Amino acid sequence: MKEPTMSQWQDVGDTAAFQEDEPRAVTVAGEPVAVVRQGDEFFAVHDICTHEVARLSEGFVEDGCIECPLHQGLFDLRTGQARKAPCVTPVRVYKTRVQGGRLEVQAP
């Protein structure tokens, strides 16, 4: 797999600004993205639930999943797979990396 170029990574902020298990909405290349910090790891998923239009960044994080605030469907933060009904369609996941204390998300 070809490594993305620098221009395909977008800086979304200082890593210290992301709180443990508190989803944060960012925009990457015009797309809404929810970013979650778990320890030293960062996860980024598309910020719109695939069941109904709700911002996942307004949901909760539990057991490695992000919960839709409307109907409590769950999506796996690592894979984007739906883990609990009524959600059945996965959400897109984005690669993340830390560069010099800054969090970057790979642009879609």
N, C-alpha and C. Protein backbone atom coordinates (compact mmCIF):
# COMPACT_ATOMS: atom_id res chain seq x y z
N MET A 1 0.84 -1.18 0.00
CA MET A 1 0.00 0.00 0.00
C MET A 1 0.89 1.24 0.00
N LYS A 2 0.54 2.19 -0.81
CA LYS A 2 1.31 3.42 -0.93
C LYS A 2 1.07 4.33 0.28
N GLU A 3 2.14 4.82 0.86
CA GLU A 3 2.04 5.73 2.00
C GLU A 3 1.53 7.09 1.52
N PRO A 4 0.54 7.66 2.22
CA PRO A 4 0.03 8.95 1.78
C PRO A 4 1.09 10.04 1.87
N THR A 5 0.97 11.03 1.03
CA THR A 5 1.89 12.15 1.06
C THR A 5 1.52 13.08 2.20
N MET A 6 2.40 14.01 2.51
CA MET A 6 2.15 14.95 3.60
C MET A 6 0.84 15.71 3.40
N SER A 7 0.51 16.05 2.17
CA SER A 7 -0.69 16.84 1.93
C SER A 7 -1.96 16.05 2.21
N GLN A 8 -1.87 14.72 2.31
CA GLN A 8 -3.06 13.91 2.59
C GLN A 8 -3.32 13.79 4.09
N TRP A 9 -2.45 14.30 4.91
CA TRP A 9 -2.64 14.29 6.35
C TRP A 9 -3.02 15.69 6.77
N GLN A 10 -4.05 15.79 7.60
CA GLN A 10 -4.49 17.11 8.05
C GLN A 10 -4.33 17.23 9.56
N ASP A 11 -3.68 18.29 9.97
CA ASP A 11 -3.51 18.59 11.40
C ASP A 11 -4.86 18.96 11.98
N VAL A 12 -5.25 18.29 13.11
CA VAL A 12 -6.53 18.60 13.75
C VAL A 12 -6.35 19.13 15.17
N GLY A 13 -5.09 19.30 15.60
CA GLY A 13 -4.89 19.94 16.88
C GLY A 13 -3.83 19.28 17.76
N ASP A 14 -3.54 19.96 18.85
CA ASP A 14 -2.59 19.48 19.85
C ASP A 14 -3.18 18.24 20.52
N THR A 15 -2.40 17.19 20.68
CA THR A 15 -2.92 15.96 21.29
C THR A 15 -3.45 16.20 22.70
N ALA A 16 -2.88 17.16 23.41
CA ALA A 16 -3.31 17.45 24.78
C ALA A 16 -4.73 18.00 24.82
N ALA A 17 -5.24 18.49 23.71
CA ALA A 17 -6.59 19.05 23.67
C ALA A 17 -7.66 17.96 23.58
N PHE A 18 -7.27 16.72 23.32
CA PHE A 18 -8.22 15.61 23.21
C PHE A 18 -8.27 14.88 24.54
N GLN A 19 -9.45 14.84 25.15
CA GLN A 19 -9.62 14.21 26.46
C GLN A 19 -10.00 12.74 26.29
N GLU A 20 -9.57 11.93 27.24
CA GLU A 20 -9.85 10.50 27.23
C GLU A 20 -11.34 10.21 27.06
N ASP A 21 -11.68 9.39 26.08
CA ASP A 21 -13.06 8.92 25.84
C ASP A 21 -14.08 10.04 25.66
N GLU A 22 -13.65 11.22 25.27
CA GLU A 22 -14.57 12.32 24.99
C GLU A 22 -14.49 12.64 23.49
N PRO A 23 -15.47 12.18 22.71
CA PRO A 23 -15.43 12.43 21.26
C PRO A 23 -15.36 13.92 20.96
N ARG A 24 -14.61 14.24 19.93
CA ARG A 24 -14.46 15.64 19.52
C ARG A 24 -14.68 15.74 18.02
N ALA A 25 -15.51 16.67 17.60
CA ALA A 25 -15.78 16.88 16.18
C ALA A 25 -14.69 17.72 15.54
N VAL A 26 -14.20 17.26 14.39
CA VAL A 26 -13.25 18.02 13.59
C VAL A 26 -13.72 17.90 12.14
N THR A 27 -13.10 18.68 11.29
CA THR A 27 -13.38 18.60 9.86
C THR A 27 -12.09 18.28 9.14
N VAL A 28 -12.13 17.24 8.30
CA VAL A 28 -10.95 16.83 7.55
C VAL A 28 -11.33 16.82 6.07
N ALA A 29 -10.68 17.66 5.31
CA ALA A 29 -10.97 17.79 3.87
C ALA A 29 -12.45 17.98 3.62
N GLY A 30 -13.10 18.75 4.47
CA GLY A 30 -14.52 19.05 4.30
C GLY A 30 -15.46 17.99 4.86
N GLU A 31 -14.91 16.89 5.39
CA GLU A 31 -15.73 15.80 5.93
C GLU A 31 -15.82 15.91 7.45
N PRO A 32 -17.02 15.66 8.02
CA PRO A 32 -17.14 15.66 9.48
C PRO A 32 -16.53 14.37 10.04
N VAL A 33 -15.67 14.53 11.02
CA VAL A 33 -14.95 13.39 11.61
C VAL A 33 -15.04 13.50 13.13
N ALA A 34 -15.28 12.37 13.79
CA ALA A 34 -15.26 12.30 15.25
C ALA A 34 -13.95 11.66 15.67
N VAL A 35 -13.22 12.33 16.55
CA VAL A 35 -11.94 11.82 17.03
C VAL A 35 -12.09 11.44 18.50
N VAL A 36 -11.55 10.27 18.84
CA VAL A 36 -11.60 9.77 20.22
C VAL A 36 -10.20 9.40 20.66
N ARG A 37 -9.85 9.84 21.86
CA ARG A 37 -8.57 9.45 22.46
C ARG A 37 -8.82 8.36 23.47
N GLN A 38 -8.00 7.29 23.40
CA GLN A 38 -8.03 6.25 24.41
C GLN A 38 -6.57 5.98 24.76
N GLY A 39 -6.15 6.54 25.90
CA GLY A 39 -4.75 6.44 26.28
C GLY A 39 -3.90 7.20 25.29
N ASP A 40 -2.90 6.52 24.75
CA ASP A 40 -2.03 7.14 23.76
C ASP A 40 -2.50 6.91 22.33
N GLU A 41 -3.64 6.22 22.18
CA GLU A 41 -4.17 5.94 20.85
C GLU A 41 -5.29 6.92 20.50
N PHE A 42 -5.37 7.22 19.21
CA PHE A 42 -6.41 8.11 18.69
C PHE A 42 -7.15 7.38 17.58
N PHE A 43 -8.46 7.55 17.57
CA PHE A 43 -9.31 6.93 16.55
C PHE A 43 -10.14 8.02 15.89
N ALA A 44 -10.37 7.84 14.61
CA ALA A 44 -11.17 8.82 13.86
C ALA A 44 -12.17 8.06 12.99
N VAL A 45 -13.44 8.44 13.13
CA VAL A 45 -14.51 7.83 12.34
C VAL A 45 -15.36 8.94 11.74
N HIS A 46 -16.06 8.60 10.65
CA HIS A 46 -16.98 9.57 10.07
C HIS A 46 -17.99 9.97 11.15
N ASP A 47 -18.30 11.24 11.22
CA ASP A 47 -19.07 11.77 12.35
C ASP A 47 -20.58 11.68 12.15
N ILE A 48 -21.03 10.98 11.15
CA ILE A 48 -22.47 10.85 10.92
C ILE A 48 -22.87 9.38 11.02
N CYS A 49 -23.84 9.10 11.89
CA CYS A 49 -24.35 7.73 12.05
C CYS A 49 -24.94 7.25 10.73
N THR A 50 -24.72 5.98 10.41
CA THR A 50 -25.24 5.42 9.16
C THR A 50 -26.71 5.01 9.28
N HIS A 51 -27.25 4.98 10.49
CA HIS A 51 -28.65 4.63 10.69
C HIS A 51 -29.55 5.84 10.45
N GLU A 52 -29.27 6.92 11.16
CA GLU A 52 -29.96 8.19 10.95
C GLU A 52 -28.92 9.28 11.10
N VAL A 53 -29.26 10.44 10.65
CA VAL A 53 -28.28 11.53 10.66
C VAL A 53 -28.13 12.08 12.08
N ALA A 54 -27.12 11.61 12.76
CA ALA A 54 -26.78 12.10 14.09
C ALA A 54 -25.28 12.20 14.19
N ARG A 55 -24.80 13.16 14.95
CA ARG A 55 -23.36 13.35 15.13
C ARG A 55 -22.83 12.38 16.18
N LEU A 56 -21.97 11.47 15.75
CA LEU A 56 -21.39 10.52 16.70
C LEU A 56 -20.52 11.24 17.73
N SER A 57 -19.99 12.39 17.36
CA SER A 57 -19.16 13.15 18.31
C SER A 57 -19.98 13.65 19.49
N GLU A 58 -21.32 13.55 19.41
CA GLU A 58 -22.19 13.93 20.52
C GLU A 58 -22.60 12.71 21.35
N GLY A 59 -22.06 11.54 20.98
CA GLY A 59 -22.38 10.31 21.70
C GLY A 59 -21.36 9.99 22.77
N PHE A 60 -21.47 8.78 23.31
CA PHE A 60 -20.59 8.32 24.37
C PHE A 60 -19.63 7.28 23.82
N VAL A 61 -18.56 7.04 24.57
CA VAL A 61 -17.59 6.01 24.23
C VAL A 61 -17.65 4.94 25.31
N GLU A 62 -17.78 3.67 24.87
CA GLU A 62 -17.78 2.57 25.83
C GLU A 62 -17.24 1.32 25.15
N ASP A 63 -16.41 0.59 25.85
CA ASP A 63 -15.87 -0.69 25.39
C ASP A 63 -15.31 -0.62 23.98
N GLY A 64 -14.55 0.42 23.66
CA GLY A 64 -13.93 0.54 22.34
C GLY A 64 -14.88 0.91 21.23
N CYS A 65 -16.09 1.34 21.60
CA CYS A 65 -17.09 1.73 20.60
C CYS A 65 -17.57 3.15 20.88
N ILE A 66 -18.10 3.78 19.82
CA ILE A 66 -18.74 5.08 19.97
C ILE A 66 -20.23 4.88 19.75
N GLU A 67 -21.01 5.51 20.61
CA GLU A 67 -22.46 5.31 20.62
C GLU A 67 -23.18 6.47 19.95
N CYS A 68 -24.13 6.13 19.09
CA CYS A 68 -24.96 7.16 18.47
C CYS A 68 -25.89 7.75 19.53
N PRO A 69 -25.96 9.07 19.61
CA PRO A 69 -26.80 9.68 20.65
C PRO A 69 -28.30 9.54 20.40
N LEU A 70 -28.72 9.18 19.18
CA LEU A 70 -30.16 9.08 18.91
C LEU A 70 -30.77 7.75 19.35
N HIS A 71 -30.15 6.64 18.93
CA HIS A 71 -30.76 5.33 19.20
C HIS A 71 -29.81 4.35 19.87
N GLN A 72 -28.68 4.83 20.34
CA GLN A 72 -27.71 4.05 21.09
C GLN A 72 -27.09 2.89 20.32
N GLY A 73 -27.09 2.98 19.00
CA GLY A 73 -26.33 2.02 18.21
C GLY A 73 -24.85 2.24 18.45
N LEU A 74 -24.04 1.18 18.32
CA LEU A 74 -22.61 1.27 18.60
C LEU A 74 -21.79 0.98 17.35
N PHE A 75 -20.66 1.69 17.22
CA PHE A 75 -19.71 1.45 16.14
C PHE A 75 -18.33 1.23 16.75
N ASP A 76 -17.65 0.18 16.27
CA ASP A 76 -16.30 -0.13 16.72
C ASP A 76 -15.35 0.98 16.27
N LEU A 77 -14.58 1.53 17.20
CA LEU A 77 -13.68 2.63 16.86
C LEU A 77 -12.54 2.19 15.94
N ARG A 78 -12.11 0.93 16.04
CA ARG A 78 -10.99 0.46 15.23
C ARG A 78 -11.40 0.13 13.79
N THR A 79 -12.60 -0.44 13.64
CA THR A 79 -13.00 -0.93 12.32
C THR A 79 -14.16 -0.17 11.69
N GLY A 80 -14.93 0.54 12.52
CA GLY A 80 -16.12 1.22 12.04
C GLY A 80 -17.34 0.30 11.94
N GLN A 81 -17.16 -0.99 12.22
CA GLN A 81 -18.27 -1.94 12.12
C GLN A 81 -19.37 -1.61 13.13
N ALA A 82 -20.62 -1.79 12.69
CA ALA A 82 -21.75 -1.61 13.59
C ALA A 82 -21.78 -2.77 14.56
N ARG A 83 -21.90 -2.48 15.85
CA ARG A 83 -21.86 -3.51 16.89
C ARG A 83 -23.19 -3.69 17.63
N LYS A 84 -24.13 -2.78 17.39
CA LYS A 84 -25.40 -2.89 18.10
C LYS A 84 -26.49 -2.24 17.25
N ALA A 85 -27.61 -2.94 17.13
CA ALA A 85 -28.77 -2.41 16.40
C ALA A 85 -29.29 -1.17 17.13
N PRO A 86 -29.89 -0.28 16.38
CA PRO A 86 -30.37 -0.42 15.01
C PRO A 86 -29.32 -0.16 13.93
N CYS A 87 -28.09 0.14 14.31
CA CYS A 87 -27.05 0.41 13.32
C CYS A 87 -26.56 -0.91 12.72
N VAL A 88 -26.52 -1.02 11.40
CA VAL A 88 -26.04 -2.24 10.76
C VAL A 88 -24.98 -1.95 9.70
N THR A 89 -24.90 -0.72 9.24
CA THR A 89 -23.92 -0.33 8.21
C THR A 89 -22.74 0.35 8.89
N PRO A 90 -21.51 -0.07 8.55
CA PRO A 90 -20.34 0.53 9.21
C PRO A 90 -20.15 2.00 8.86
N VAL A 91 -19.41 2.69 9.72
CA VAL A 91 -19.00 4.05 9.42
C VAL A 91 -17.55 4.00 8.93
N ARG A 92 -17.18 4.97 8.16
CA ARG A 92 -15.82 5.07 7.63
C ARG A 92 -14.84 5.36 8.77
N VAL A 93 -13.68 4.74 8.72
CA VAL A 93 -12.63 5.04 9.68
C VAL A 93 -11.49 5.73 8.94
N TYR A 94 -10.75 6.53 9.66
CA TYR A 94 -9.62 7.29 9.10
C TYR A 94 -8.38 6.97 9.92
N LYS A 95 -7.24 6.90 9.26
CA LYS A 95 -5.98 6.69 9.95
C LYS A 95 -5.61 7.96 10.70
N THR A 96 -4.93 7.77 11.83
CA THR A 96 -4.44 8.91 12.60
C THR A 96 -2.94 8.71 12.86
N ARG A 97 -2.27 9.81 13.14
CA ARG A 97 -0.87 9.74 13.55
C ARG A 97 -0.55 10.99 14.35
N VAL A 98 0.49 10.87 15.19
CA VAL A 98 0.94 11.99 16.00
C VAL A 98 2.30 12.43 15.46
N GLN A 99 2.41 13.71 15.18
CA GLN A 99 3.65 14.29 14.67
C GLN A 99 4.00 15.50 15.54
N GLY A 100 5.06 15.37 16.36
CA GLY A 100 5.49 16.50 17.18
C GLY A 100 4.42 17.00 18.13
N GLY A 101 3.64 16.09 18.71
CA GLY A 101 2.60 16.48 19.66
C GLY A 101 1.30 16.94 19.03
N ARG A 102 1.25 16.89 17.71
CA ARG A 102 0.04 17.28 16.98
C ARG A 102 -0.62 16.04 16.40
N LEU A 103 -1.94 16.01 16.44
CA LEU A 103 -2.69 14.90 15.87
C LEU A 103 -3.03 15.20 14.41
N GLU A 104 -2.78 14.21 13.57
CA GLU A 104 -3.12 14.34 12.16
C GLU A 104 -4.06 13.20 11.77
N VAL A 105 -5.00 13.51 10.91
CA VAL A 105 -5.95 12.53 10.38
C VAL A 105 -5.75 12.47 8.88
N GLN A 106 -5.74 11.23 8.36
CA GLN A 106 -5.58 11.06 6.92
C GLN A 106 -6.83 11.52 6.21
N ALA A 107 -6.65 12.39 5.26
CA ALA A 107 -7.78 12.92 4.49
C ALA A 107 -8.39 11.82 3.63
N PRO A 108 -9.72 11.85 3.47
CA PRO A 108 -10.38 10.83 2.64
C PRO A 108 -10.03 10.98 1.17
